[in-house]
Every structure is written in C-alpha cells, then in structure tokens.
Amino acid sequence: MTEPSSNAARRVSLLACAVLAAVLLLAVPARAPAQGCTMCRETAAMQRDRALTALQRGIGVLAVPPLAIATGVVWLVWKRRNRFASE
C-alpha cells in the first residue's frame, strides 16, 4: 500500500508535467517558417484537384512513420517506467 505522502508527491509530479506540457504546446508557433514557403504554396495552389488530393495524401503518408515511432517510444517508456524503481 502506498503512503499518503508518496501519493501526494506523485500527484504534484503529474501536475507539474501537465503544466510543462501545456506551456510547451503554447510556446510552439502556429506556423513553422518552412511551411510559409511562397513557391511551395503557389505551386500547390495552382494544382488541379487530383494533384492536390495526391499531395494531401502524400503528406498524410509521410506523417505516419514519425508518429508511429513517437507513439512506440512513449509506449515503451510508459511500460518500463518502474523497471528500476525497486533498486
């Protein structure tokens, strides 16, 4: 059974992590500088509907591997978070 002080410490730690995550999310700019490239935006705007659909699907496909890797790392860390706690 856990002691009340360790439970309170865990809650404070969780709250601190949540606050830090919120601050980091708010600190991220709404638009990264590379996404504002004029030539890229103009080229994409001049494409036909079929090419735009292909471009949007390509962006989605390219987003899947990094998201899967990040999810896997977070899951692995979460699964093994207490591995060395008994030492």
Protein backbone atom coordinates (compact mmCIF):
# COMPACT_ATOMS: atom_id res chain seq x y z
CA MET A 1 0.00 0.00 0.00
CA THR A 2 1.31 3.45 -0.82
CA GLU A 3 1.86 6.12 1.77
CA PRO A 4 -0.20 9.32 1.54
CA SER A 5 2.94 11.45 1.12
CA SER A 6 4.16 9.45 -1.89
CA ASN A 7 0.70 9.62 -3.42
CA ALA A 8 0.67 13.39 -2.97
CA ALA A 9 4.17 13.63 -4.42
CA ARG A 10 3.04 11.63 -7.45
CA ARG A 11 0.08 14.00 -7.96
CA VAL A 12 2.33 17.05 -7.72
CA SER A 13 4.75 15.48 -10.20
CA LEU A 14 1.92 14.68 -12.59
CA LEU A 15 0.54 18.21 -12.27
CA ALA A 16 4.00 19.67 -12.94
CA CYS A 17 4.35 17.53 -16.07
CA ALA A 18 0.91 18.60 -17.29
CA VAL A 19 1.73 22.28 -16.74
CA LEU A 20 5.06 21.89 -18.53
CA ALA A 21 3.36 20.16 -21.47
CA ALA A 22 0.76 22.94 -21.69
CA VAL A 23 3.46 25.63 -21.64
CA LEU A 24 5.44 23.85 -24.35
CA LEU A 25 2.35 23.48 -26.54
CA LEU A 26 1.55 27.15 -26.18
CA ALA A 27 5.16 28.11 -26.95
CA VAL A 28 5.09 26.37 -30.33
CA PRO A 29 4.44 28.84 -33.15
CA ALA A 30 1.19 28.46 -35.06
CA ARG A 31 3.09 28.08 -38.32
CA ALA A 32 6.66 26.91 -38.78
CA PRO A 33 8.82 29.10 -41.09
CA ALA A 34 9.33 26.31 -43.64
CA GLN A 35 5.59 25.92 -44.10
CA GLY A 36 5.28 29.51 -45.28
CA CYS A 37 7.41 28.97 -48.39
CA THR A 38 5.88 31.17 -51.10
CA MET A 39 6.97 28.99 -54.00
CA CYS A 40 5.59 25.82 -52.39
CA ARG A 41 2.30 27.49 -51.52
CA GLU A 42 1.88 28.95 -55.02
CA THR A 43 2.74 25.66 -56.72
CA ALA A 44 0.25 23.78 -54.56
CA ALA A 45 -2.44 26.40 -55.19
CA MET A 46 -2.04 26.09 -58.98
CA GLN A 47 -2.51 22.30 -58.97
CA ARG A 48 -5.71 20.66 -60.10
CA ASP A 49 -8.00 18.84 -57.67
CA ARG A 50 -6.48 15.44 -58.41
CA ALA A 51 -2.94 16.67 -57.80
CA LEU A 52 -4.00 18.44 -54.59
CA THR A 53 -5.60 15.25 -53.32
CA ALA A 54 -2.40 13.33 -54.10
CA LEU A 55 -0.34 15.98 -52.31
CA GLN A 56 -2.56 15.86 -49.23
CA ARG A 57 -2.45 12.05 -49.14
CA GLY A 58 1.32 12.13 -49.55
CA ILE A 59 1.65 14.45 -46.57
CA GLY A 60 -0.52 12.07 -44.56
CA VAL A 61 1.53 9.06 -45.62
CA LEU A 62 4.78 10.82 -44.71
CA ALA A 63 3.39 11.70 -41.28
CA VAL A 64 2.60 8.09 -40.33
CA PRO A 65 6.16 6.73 -39.66
CA PRO A 66 7.28 9.56 -37.32
CA LEU A 67 4.00 9.38 -35.42
CA ALA A 68 4.28 5.60 -35.12
CA ILE A 69 7.87 5.85 -33.89
CA ALA A 70 7.00 8.54 -31.35
CA THR A 71 4.00 6.53 -30.13
CA GLY A 72 6.17 3.44 -29.81
CA VAL A 73 8.81 5.28 -27.79
CA VAL A 74 6.21 6.78 -25.45
CA TRP A 75 4.56 3.38 -25.01
CA LEU A 76 7.90 1.71 -24.30
CA VAL A 77 8.89 4.34 -21.75
CA TRP A 78 5.47 4.12 -20.10
CA LYS A 79 5.64 0.32 -19.96
CA ARG A 80 9.12 0.28 -18.39
CA ARG A 81 8.79 3.37 -16.17
CA ASN A 82 9.06 1.45 -12.89
CA ARG A 83 11.69 -1.05 -14.02
CA PHE A 84 14.45 0.39 -11.83
CA ALA A 85 12.26 1.77 -9.03
CA SER A 86 12.91 -1.21 -6.73
CA GLU A 87 16.65 -0.61 -6.64
